[in-house]
Amino acid sequence: MTQKAVAKLAVLSEDERTRLLAESREKLQRDIFARERAAEEKGREEGREEGRTEERLAFARKLLNRNHSIEEIIEYTGISRAEIQSLLH
């Protein structure tokens, strides 16, 4: 009887170990997927921000070409004085 109990305990212990390993693998896969999604979203947001910045700079160039004052361009675009002055060169 003792041998049967020991054998059953060994089977149950192995099953528990297998279950824990499977859960650990699943958690790792979810974590990797979540990190990849976060990195992709961060990249997309950075790209959108870069596009918005380029759009504001293009608009500032147009305003400069139409002889608007630097103060007006700052007001219309939110671009800093230094950035606008760099467009003059």
PDB file of N, CA and C in Angstrom:
ATOM      1  N   MET A   1       0.812  -1.189   0.000  1.00  0.00           N
ATOM      2  CA  MET A   1       0.000   0.000   0.000  1.00  0.00           C
ATOM      3  C   MET A   1       0.861   1.261   0.000  1.00  0.00           C
ATOM      4  N   THR A   2       1.917   1.257   0.741  1.00  0.00           N
ATOM      5  CA  THR A   2       2.807   2.410   0.799  1.00  0.00           C
ATOM      6  C   THR A   2       3.436   2.669  -0.557  1.00  0.00           C
ATOM      7  N   GLN A   3       3.806   1.616  -1.276  1.00  0.00           N
ATOM      8  CA  GLN A   3       4.415   1.779  -2.590  1.00  0.00           C
ATOM      9  C   GLN A   3       3.433   2.432  -3.559  1.00  0.00           C
ATOM     10  N   LYS A   4       2.157   2.061  -3.489  1.00  0.00           N
ATOM     11  CA  LYS A   4       1.140   2.659  -4.354  1.00  0.00           C
ATOM     12  C   LYS A   4       0.995   4.151  -4.065  1.00  0.00           C
ATOM     13  N   ALA A   5       1.004   4.497  -2.791  1.00  0.00           N
ATOM     14  CA  ALA A   5       0.884   5.900  -2.391  1.00  0.00           C
ATOM     15  C   ALA A   5       2.081   6.691  -2.876  1.00  0.00           C
ATOM     16  N   VAL A   6       3.272   6.134  -2.758  1.00  0.00           N
ATOM     17  CA  VAL A   6       4.486   6.812  -3.214  1.00  0.00           C
ATOM     18  C   VAL A   6       4.437   6.984  -4.731  1.00  0.00           C
ATOM     19  N   ALA A   7       3.992   5.933  -5.438  1.00  0.00           N
ATOM     20  CA  ALA A   7       3.888   6.005  -6.891  1.00  0.00           C
ATOM     21  C   ALA A   7       2.867   7.067  -7.301  1.00  0.00           C
ATOM     22  N   LYS A   8       1.729   7.104  -6.631  1.00  0.00           N
ATOM     23  CA  LYS A   8       0.688   8.094  -6.934  1.00  0.00           C
ATOM     24  C   LYS A   8       1.201   9.507  -6.658  1.00  0.00           C
ATOM     25  N   LEU A   9       1.909   9.688  -5.565  1.00  0.00           N
ATOM     26  CA  LEU A   9       2.490  10.977  -5.225  1.00  0.00           C
ATOM     27  C   LEU A   9       3.491  11.417  -6.294  1.00  0.00           C
ATOM     28  N   ALA A  10       4.283  10.498  -6.792  1.00  0.00           N
ATOM     29  CA  ALA A  10       5.254  10.813  -7.841  1.00  0.00           C
ATOM     30  C   ALA A  10       4.540  11.270  -9.104  1.00  0.00           C
ATOM     31  N   VAL A  11       3.450  10.590  -9.472  1.00  0.00           N
ATOM     32  CA  VAL A  11       2.671  10.974 -10.666  1.00  0.00           C
ATOM     33  C   VAL A  11       2.064  12.352 -10.474  1.00  0.00           C
ATOM     34  N   LEU A  12       1.459  12.575  -9.312  1.00  0.00           N
ATOM     35  CA  LEU A  12       0.840  13.877  -9.047  1.00  0.00           C
ATOM     36  C   LEU A  12       1.885  14.998  -9.030  1.00  0.00           C
ATOM     37  N   SER A  13       3.039  14.720  -8.458  1.00  0.00           N
ATOM     38  CA  SER A  13       4.107  15.720  -8.415  1.00  0.00           C
ATOM     39  C   SER A  13       4.576  16.060  -9.822  1.00  0.00           C
ATOM     40  N   GLU A  14       4.721  15.036 -10.666  1.00  0.00           N
ATOM     41  CA  GLU A  14       5.142  15.263 -12.057  1.00  0.00           C
ATOM     42  C   GLU A  14       4.093  16.071 -12.807  1.00  0.00           C
ATOM     43  N   ASP A  15       2.806  15.739 -12.589  1.00  0.00           N
ATOM     44  CA  ASP A  15       1.732  16.497 -13.228  1.00  0.00           C
ATOM     45  C   ASP A  15       1.758  17.960 -12.796  1.00  0.00           C
ATOM     46  N   GLU A  16       1.974  18.209 -11.524  1.00  0.00           N
ATOM     47  CA  GLU A  16       2.040  19.587 -11.000  1.00  0.00           C
ATOM     48  C   GLU A  16       3.211  20.329 -11.630  1.00  0.00           C
ATOM     49  N   ARG A  17       4.357  19.658 -11.716  1.00  0.00           N
ATOM     50  CA  ARG A  17       5.540  20.263 -12.327  1.00  0.00           C
ATOM     51  C   ARG A  17       5.266  20.597 -13.797  1.00  0.00           C
ATOM     52  N   THR A  18       4.649  19.687 -14.499  1.00  0.00           N
ATOM     53  CA  THR A  18       4.322  19.887 -15.908  1.00  0.00           C
ATOM     54  C   THR A  18       3.358  21.058 -16.065  1.00  0.00           C
ATOM     55  N   ARG A  19       2.356  21.114 -15.208  1.00  0.00           N
ATOM     56  CA  ARG A  19       1.390  22.214 -15.254  1.00  0.00           C
ATOM     57  C   ARG A  19       2.074  23.557 -14.997  1.00  0.00           C
ATOM     58  N   LEU A  20       2.943  23.604 -13.998  1.00  0.00           N
ATOM     59  CA  LEU A  20       3.660  24.842 -13.683  1.00  0.00           C
ATOM     60  C   LEU A  20       4.564  25.275 -14.830  1.00  0.00           C
ATOM     61  N   LEU A  21       5.223  24.307 -15.465  1.00  0.00           N
ATOM     62  CA  LEU A  21       6.061  24.632 -16.624  1.00  0.00           C
ATOM     63  C   LEU A  21       5.224  25.193 -17.767  1.00  0.00           C
ATOM     64  N   ALA A  22       4.089  24.571 -18.008  1.00  0.00           N
ATOM     65  CA  ALA A  22       3.199  25.046 -19.074  1.00  0.00           C
ATOM     66  C   ALA A  22       2.698  26.454 -18.768  1.00  0.00           C
ATOM     67  N   GLU A  23       2.312  26.701 -17.538  1.00  0.00           N
ATOM     68  CA  GLU A  23       1.853  28.033 -17.142  1.00  0.00           C
ATOM     69  C   GLU A  23       2.967  29.059 -17.296  1.00  0.00           C
ATOM     70  N   SER A  24       4.176  28.674 -16.922  1.00  0.00           N
ATOM     71  CA  SER A  24       5.318  29.579 -17.057  1.00  0.00           C
ATOM     72  C   SER A  24       5.585  29.916 -18.518  1.00  0.00           C
ATOM     73  N   ARG A  25       5.506  28.911 -19.380  1.00  0.00           N
ATOM     74  CA  ARG A  25       5.707  29.152 -20.819  1.00  0.00           C
ATOM     75  C   ARG A  25       4.639  30.086 -21.372  1.00  0.00           C
ATOM     76  N   GLU A  26       3.392  29.844 -20.987  1.00  0.00           N
ATOM     77  CA  GLU A  26       2.298  30.695 -21.451  1.00  0.00           C
ATOM     78  C   GLU A  26       2.478  32.139 -20.979  1.00  0.00           C
ATOM     79  N   LYS A  27       2.868  32.302 -19.722  1.00  0.00           N
ATOM     80  CA  LYS A  27       3.083  33.650 -19.192  1.00  0.00           C
ATOM     81  C   LYS A  27       4.219  34.342 -19.943  1.00  0.00           C
ATOM     82  N   LEU A  28       5.297  33.622 -20.206  1.00  0.00           N
ATOM     83  CA  LEU A  28       6.413  34.187 -20.954  1.00  0.00           C
ATOM     84  C   LEU A  28       5.972  34.616 -22.348  1.00  0.00           C
ATOM     85  N   GLN A  29       5.185  33.777 -23.017  1.00  0.00           N
ATOM     86  CA  GLN A  29       4.696  34.113 -24.347  1.00  0.00           C
ATOM     87  C   GLN A  29       3.803  35.346 -24.314  1.00  0.00           C
ATOM     88  N   ARG A  30       2.938  35.444 -23.308  1.00  0.00           N
ATOM     89  CA  ARG A  30       2.086  36.638 -23.183  1.00  0.00           C
ATOM     90  C   ARG A  30       2.924  37.878 -22.921  1.00  0.00           C
ATOM     91  N   ASP A  31       3.937  37.755 -22.064  1.00  0.00           N
ATOM     92  CA  ASP A  31       4.812  38.887 -21.756  1.00  0.00           C
ATOM     93  C   ASP A  31       5.571  39.353 -22.998  1.00  0.00           C
ATOM     94  N   ILE A  32       6.089  38.412 -23.759  1.00  0.00           N
ATOM     95  CA  ILE A  32       6.816  38.756 -24.983  1.00  0.00           C
ATOM     96  C   ILE A  32       5.883  39.458 -25.961  1.00  0.00           C
ATOM     97  N   PHE A  33       4.689  38.910 -26.141  1.00  0.00           N
ATOM     98  CA  PHE A  33       3.715  39.509 -27.046  1.00  0.00           C
ATOM     99  C   PHE A  33       3.360  40.929 -26.596  1.00  0.00           C
ATOM    100  N   ALA A  34       3.135  41.110 -25.307  1.00  0.00           N
ATOM    101  CA  ALA A  34       2.780  42.435 -24.781  1.00  0.00           C
ATOM    102  C   ALA A  34       3.919  43.434 -24.996  1.00  0.00           C
ATOM    103  N   ARG A  35       5.159  42.998 -24.775  1.00  0.00           N
ATOM    104  CA  ARG A  35       6.303  43.885 -24.998  1.00  0.00           C
ATOM    105  C   ARG A  35       6.433  44.267 -26.465  1.00  0.00           C
ATOM    106  N   GLU A  36       6.225  43.291 -27.345  1.00  0.00           N
ATOM    107  CA  GLU A  36       6.311  43.570 -28.781  1.00  0.00           C
ATOM    108  C   GLU A  36       5.234  44.561 -29.202  1.00  0.00           C
ATOM    109  N   ARG A  37       4.021  44.359 -28.706  1.00  0.00           N
ATOM    110  CA  ARG A  37       2.923  45.277 -29.038  1.00  0.00           C
ATOM    111  C   ARG A  37       3.219  46.678 -28.518  1.00  0.00           C
ATOM    112  N   ALA A  38       3.740  46.778 -27.300  1.00  0.00           N
ATOM    113  CA  ALA A  38       4.068  48.081 -26.730  1.00  0.00           C
ATOM    114  C   ALA A  38       5.163  48.761 -27.549  1.00  0.00           C
ATOM    115  N   ALA A  39       6.163  48.001 -27.977  1.00  0.00           N
ATOM    116  CA  ALA A  39       7.248  48.569 -28.786  1.00  0.00           C
ATOM    117  C   ALA A  39       6.724  49.041 -30.138  1.00  0.00           C
ATOM    118  N   GLU A  40       5.838  48.254 -30.745  1.00  0.00           N
ATOM    119  CA  GLU A  40       5.250  48.651 -32.024  1.00  0.00           C
ATOM    120  C   GLU A  40       4.448  49.936 -31.870  1.00  0.00           C
ATOM    121  N   GLU A  41       3.642  50.016 -30.833  1.00  0.00           N
ATOM    122  CA  GLU A  41       2.822  51.205 -30.612  1.00  0.00           C
ATOM    123  C   GLU A  41       3.705  52.421 -30.345  1.00  0.00           C
ATOM    124  N   LYS A  42       4.756  52.220 -29.565  1.00  0.00           N
ATOM    125  CA  LYS A  42       5.679  53.332 -29.293  1.00  0.00           C
ATOM    126  C   LYS A  42       6.307  53.802 -30.594  1.00  0.00           C
ATOM    127  N   GLY A  43       6.701  52.881 -31.456  1.00  0.00           N
ATOM    128  CA  GLY A  43       7.283  53.241 -32.742  1.00  0.00           C
ATOM    129  C   GLY A  43       6.301  54.002 -33.615  1.00  0.00           C
ATOM    130  N   ARG A  44       5.048  53.537 -33.635  1.00  0.00           N
ATOM    131  CA  ARG A  44       4.025  54.242 -34.421  1.00  0.00           C
ATOM    132  C   ARG A  44       3.814  55.655 -33.885  1.00  0.00           C
ATOM    133  N   GLU A  45       3.741  55.786 -32.567  1.00  0.00           N
ATOM    134  CA  GLU A  45       3.530  57.119 -31.969  1.00  0.00           C
ATOM    135  C   GLU A  45       4.705  58.033 -32.270  1.00  0.00           C
ATOM    136  N   GLU A  46       5.919  57.506 -32.174  1.00  0.00           N
ATOM    137  CA  GLU A  46       7.090  58.323 -32.503  1.00  0.00           C
ATOM    138  C   GLU A  46       7.043  58.754 -33.960  1.00  0.00           C
ATOM    139  N   GLY A  47       6.613  57.868 -34.838  1.00  0.00           N
ATOM    140  CA  GLY A  47       6.484  58.210 -36.251  1.00  0.00           C
ATOM    141  C   GLY A  47       5.436  59.284 -36.479  1.00  0.00           C
ATOM    142  N   ARG A  48       4.307  59.166 -35.783  1.00  0.00           N
ATOM    143  CA  ARG A  48       3.260  60.186 -35.910  1.00  0.00           C
ATOM    144  C   ARG A  48       3.760  61.536 -35.413  1.00  0.00           C
ATOM    145  N   GLU A  49       4.469  61.522 -34.290  1.00  0.00           N
ATOM    146  CA  GLU A  49       4.997  62.778 -33.738  1.00  0.00           C
ATOM    147  C   GLU A  49       6.015  63.394 -34.695  1.00  0.00           C
ATOM    148  N   GLU A  50       6.860  62.558 -35.271  1.00  0.00           N
ATOM    149  CA  GLU A  50       7.839  63.060 -36.233  1.00  0.00           C
ATOM    150  C   GLU A  50       7.121  63.676 -37.432  1.00  0.00           C
ATOM    151  N   GLY A  51       6.057  63.051 -37.884  1.00  0.00           N
ATOM    152  CA  GLY A  51       5.269  63.591 -38.990  1.00  0.00           C
ATOM    153  C   GLY A  51       4.640  64.926 -38.644  1.00  0.00           C
ATOM    154  N   ARG A  52       4.116  65.031 -37.424  1.00  0.00           N
ATOM    155  CA  ARG A  52       3.519  66.304 -37.000  1.00  0.00           C
ATOM    156  C   ARG A  52       4.575  67.403 -36.947  1.00  0.00           C
ATOM    157  N   THR A  53       5.759  67.051 -36.461  1.00  0.00           N
ATOM    158  CA  THR A  53       6.851  68.030 -36.390  1.00  0.00           C
ATOM    159  C   THR A  53       7.242  68.490 -37.792  1.00  0.00           C
ATOM    160  N   GLU A  54       7.375  67.550 -38.712  1.00  0.00           N
ATOM    161  CA  GLU A  54       7.719  67.905 -40.095  1.00  0.00           C
ATOM    162  C   GLU A  54       6.641  68.790 -40.715  1.00  0.00           C
ATOM    163  N   GLU A  55       5.393  68.497 -40.419  1.00  0.00           N
ATOM    164  CA  GLU A  55       4.288  69.302 -40.939  1.00  0.00           C
ATOM    165  C   GLU A  55       4.361  70.735 -40.407  1.00  0.00           C
ATOM    166  N   ARG A  56       4.639  70.866 -39.099  1.00  0.00           N
ATOM    167  CA  ARG A  56       4.756  72.218 -38.518  1.00  0.00           C
ATOM    168  C   ARG A  56       5.930  72.973 -39.122  1.00  0.00           C
ATOM    169  N   LEU A  57       7.047  72.272 -39.347  1.00  0.00           N
ATOM    170  CA  LEU A  57       8.209  72.931 -39.953  1.00  0.00           C
ATOM    171  C   LEU A  57       7.914  73.356 -41.387  1.00  0.00           C
ATOM    172  N   ALA A  58       7.220  72.515 -42.137  1.00  0.00           N
ATOM    173  CA  ALA A  58       6.855  72.870 -43.515  1.00  0.00           C
ATOM    174  C   ALA A  58       5.938  74.095 -43.514  1.00  0.00           C
ATOM    175  N   PHE A  59       4.994  74.119 -42.588  1.00  0.00           N
ATOM    176  CA  PHE A  59       4.093  75.267 -42.477  1.00  0.00           C
ATOM    177  C   PHE A  59       4.873  76.529 -42.106  1.00  0.00           C
ATOM    178  N   ALA A  60       5.814  76.393 -41.185  1.00  0.00           N
ATOM    179  CA  ALA A  60       6.641  77.535 -40.782  1.00  0.00           C
ATOM    180  C   ALA A  60       7.446  78.060 -41.977  1.00  0.00           C
ATOM    181  N   ARG A  61       7.989  77.144 -42.798  1.00  0.00           N
ATOM    182  CA  ARG A  61       8.731  77.574 -43.998  1.00  0.00           C
ATOM    183  C   ARG A  61       7.827  78.385 -44.936  1.00  0.00           C
ATOM    184  N   LYS A  62       6.595  77.916 -45.115  1.00  0.00           N
ATOM    185  CA  LYS A  62       5.650  78.654 -45.975  1.00  0.00           C
ATOM    186  C   LYS A  62       5.383  80.047 -45.416  1.00  0.00           C
ATOM    187  N   LEU A  63       5.190  80.097 -44.108  1.00  0.00           N
ATOM    188  CA  LEU A  63       4.935  81.400 -43.487  1.00  0.00           C
ATOM    189  C   LEU A  63       6.142  82.320 -43.635  1.00  0.00           C
ATOM    190  N   LEU A  64       7.341  81.772 -43.476  1.00  0.00           N
ATOM    191  CA  LEU A  64       8.546  82.576 -43.669  1.00  0.00           C
ATOM    192  C   LEU A  64       8.628  83.090 -45.100  1.00  0.00           C
ATOM    193  N   ASN A  65       8.302  82.236 -46.053  1.00  0.00           N
ATOM    194  CA  ASN A  65       8.333  82.641 -47.461  1.00  0.00           C
ATOM    195  C   ASN A  65       7.306  83.725 -47.765  1.00  0.00           C
ATOM    196  N   ARG A  66       6.274  83.802 -46.942  1.00  0.00           N
ATOM    197  CA  ARG A  66       5.238  84.833 -47.119  1.00  0.00           C
ATOM    198  C   ARG A  66       5.484  86.036 -46.210  1.00  0.00           C
ATOM    199  N   ASN A  67       6.693  86.087 -45.663  1.00  0.00           N
ATOM    200  CA  ASN A  67       7.157  87.221 -44.854  1.00  0.00           C
ATOM    201  C   ASN A  67       6.376  87.441 -43.563  1.00  0.00           C
ATOM    202  N   HIS A  68       5.886  86.378 -42.950  1.00  0.00           N
ATOM    203  CA  HIS A  68       5.267  86.513 -41.636  1.00  0.00           C
ATOM    204  C   HIS A  68       6.376  86.704 -40.602  1.00  0.00           C
ATOM    205  N   SER A  69       6.047  87.391 -39.530  1.00  0.00           N
ATOM    206  CA  SER A  69       7.047  87.621 -38.485  1.00  0.00           C
ATOM    207  C   SER A  69       7.294  86.333 -37.709  1.00  0.00           C
ATOM    208  N   ILE A  70       8.446  86.277 -37.070  1.00  0.00           N
ATOM    209  CA  ILE A  70       8.783  85.112 -36.251  1.00  0.00           C
ATOM    210  C   ILE A  70       7.764  84.943 -35.130  1.00  0.00           C
ATOM    211  N   GLU A  71       7.311  86.046 -34.538  1.00  0.00           N
ATOM    212  CA  GLU A  71       6.312  85.971 -33.465  1.00  0.00           C
ATOM    213  C   GLU A  71       5.016  85.334 -33.966  1.00  0.00           C
ATOM    214  N   GLU A  72       4.589  85.697 -35.177  1.00  0.00           N
ATOM    215  CA  GLU A  72       3.382  85.108 -35.743  1.00  0.00           C
ATOM    216  C   GLU A  72       3.571  83.598 -35.971  1.00  0.00           C
ATOM    217  N   ILE A  73       4.726  83.239 -36.483  1.00  0.00           N
ATOM    218  CA  ILE A  73       4.997  81.831 -36.766  1.00  0.00           C
ATOM    219  C   ILE A  73       5.027  81.016 -35.476  1.00  0.00           C
ATOM    220  N   ILE A  74       5.615  81.591 -34.431  1.00  0.00           N
ATOM    221  CA  ILE A  74       5.617  80.926 -33.122  1.00  0.00           C
ATOM    222  C   ILE A  74       4.178  80.713 -32.665  1.00  0.00           C
ATOM    223  N   GLU A  75       3.355  81.735 -32.806  1.00  0.00           N
ATOM    224  CA  GLU A  75       1.959  81.648 -32.381  1.00  0.00           C
ATOM    225  C   GLU A  75       1.193  80.606 -33.196  1.00  0.00           C
ATOM    226  N   TYR A  76       1.388  80.577 -34.495  1.00  0.00           N
ATOM    227  CA  TYR A  76       0.637  79.679 -35.375  1.00  0.00           C
ATOM    228  C   TYR A  76       1.093  78.224 -35.283  1.00  0.00           C
ATOM    229  N   THR A  77       2.384  78.007 -35.030  1.00  0.00           N
ATOM    230  CA  THR A  77       2.923  76.646 -35.115  1.00  0.00           C
ATOM    231  C   THR A  77       3.336  76.040 -33.782  1.00  0.00           C
ATOM    232  N   GLY A  78       3.648  76.889 -32.812  1.00  0.00           N
ATOM    233  CA  GLY A  78       4.152  76.380 -31.541  1.00  0.00           C
ATOM    234  C   GLY A  78       5.622  76.009 -31.605  1.00  0.00           C
ATOM    235  N   ILE A  79       6.264  76.325 -32.714  1.00  0.00           N
ATOM    236  CA  ILE A  79       7.689  76.033 -32.885  1.00  0.00           C
ATOM    237  C   ILE A  79       8.495  77.094 -32.145  1.00  0.00           C
ATOM    238  N   SER A  80       9.615  76.698 -31.594  1.00  0.00           N
ATOM    239  CA  SER A  80      10.444  77.639 -30.847  1.00  0.00           C
ATOM    240  C   SER A  80      11.137  78.634 -31.783  1.00  0.00           C
ATOM    241  N   ARG A  81      11.515  79.741 -31.203  1.00  0.00           N
ATOM    242  CA  ARG A  81      12.231  80.776 -31.956  1.00  0.00           C
ATOM    243  C   ARG A  81      13.509  80.198 -32.574  1.00  0.00           C
ATOM    244  N   ALA A  82      14.234  79.405 -31.807  1.00  0.00           N
ATOM    245  CA  ALA A  82      15.488  78.823 -32.308  1.00  0.00           C
ATOM    246  C   ALA A  82      15.237  77.924 -33.517  1.00  0.00           C
ATOM    247  N   GLU A  83      14.169  77.138 -33.473  1.00  0.00           N
ATOM    248  CA  GLU A  83      13.850  76.265 -34.613  1.00  0.00           C
ATOM    249  C   GLU A  83      13.497  77.088 -35.857  1.00  0.00           C
ATOM    250  N   ILE A  84      12.750  78.144 -35.647  1.00  0.00           N
ATOM    251  CA  ILE A  84      12.378  79.000 -36.776  1.00  0.00           C
ATOM    252  C   ILE A  84      13.606  79.685 -37.350  1.00  0.00           C
ATOM    253  N   GLN A  85      14.471  80.160 -36.467  1.00  0.00           N
ATOM    254  CA  GLN A  85      15.685  80.819 -36.944  1.00  0.00           C
ATOM    255  C   GLN A  85      16.590  79.829 -37.687  1.00  0.00           C
ATOM    256  N   SER A  86      16.567  78.584 -37.292  1.00  0.00           N
ATOM    257  CA  SER A  86      17.377  77.581 -38.002  1.00  0.00           C
ATOM    258  C   SER A  86      16.843  77.366 -39.422  1.00  0.00           C
ATOM    259  N   LEU A  87      15.554  77.631 -39.638  1.00  0.00           N
ATOM    260  CA  LEU A  87      14.988  77.504 -40.984  1.00  0.00           C
ATOM    261  C   LEU A  87      15.430  78.642 -41.896  1.00  0.00           C
ATOM    262  N   LEU A  88      15.884  79.730 -41.299  1.00  0.00           N
ATOM    263  CA  LEU A  88      16.324  80.894 -42.081  1.00  0.00           C
ATOM    264  C   LEU A  88      17.684  80.655 -42.733  1.00  0.00           C
ATOM    265  N   HIS A  89      18.426  79.707 -42.244  1.00  0.00           N
ATOM    266  CA  HIS A  89      19.791  79.468 -42.744  1.00  0.00           C
ATOM    267  C   HIS A  89      19.826  78.392 -43.767  1.00  0.00           C
TER     268      HIS A  89
END
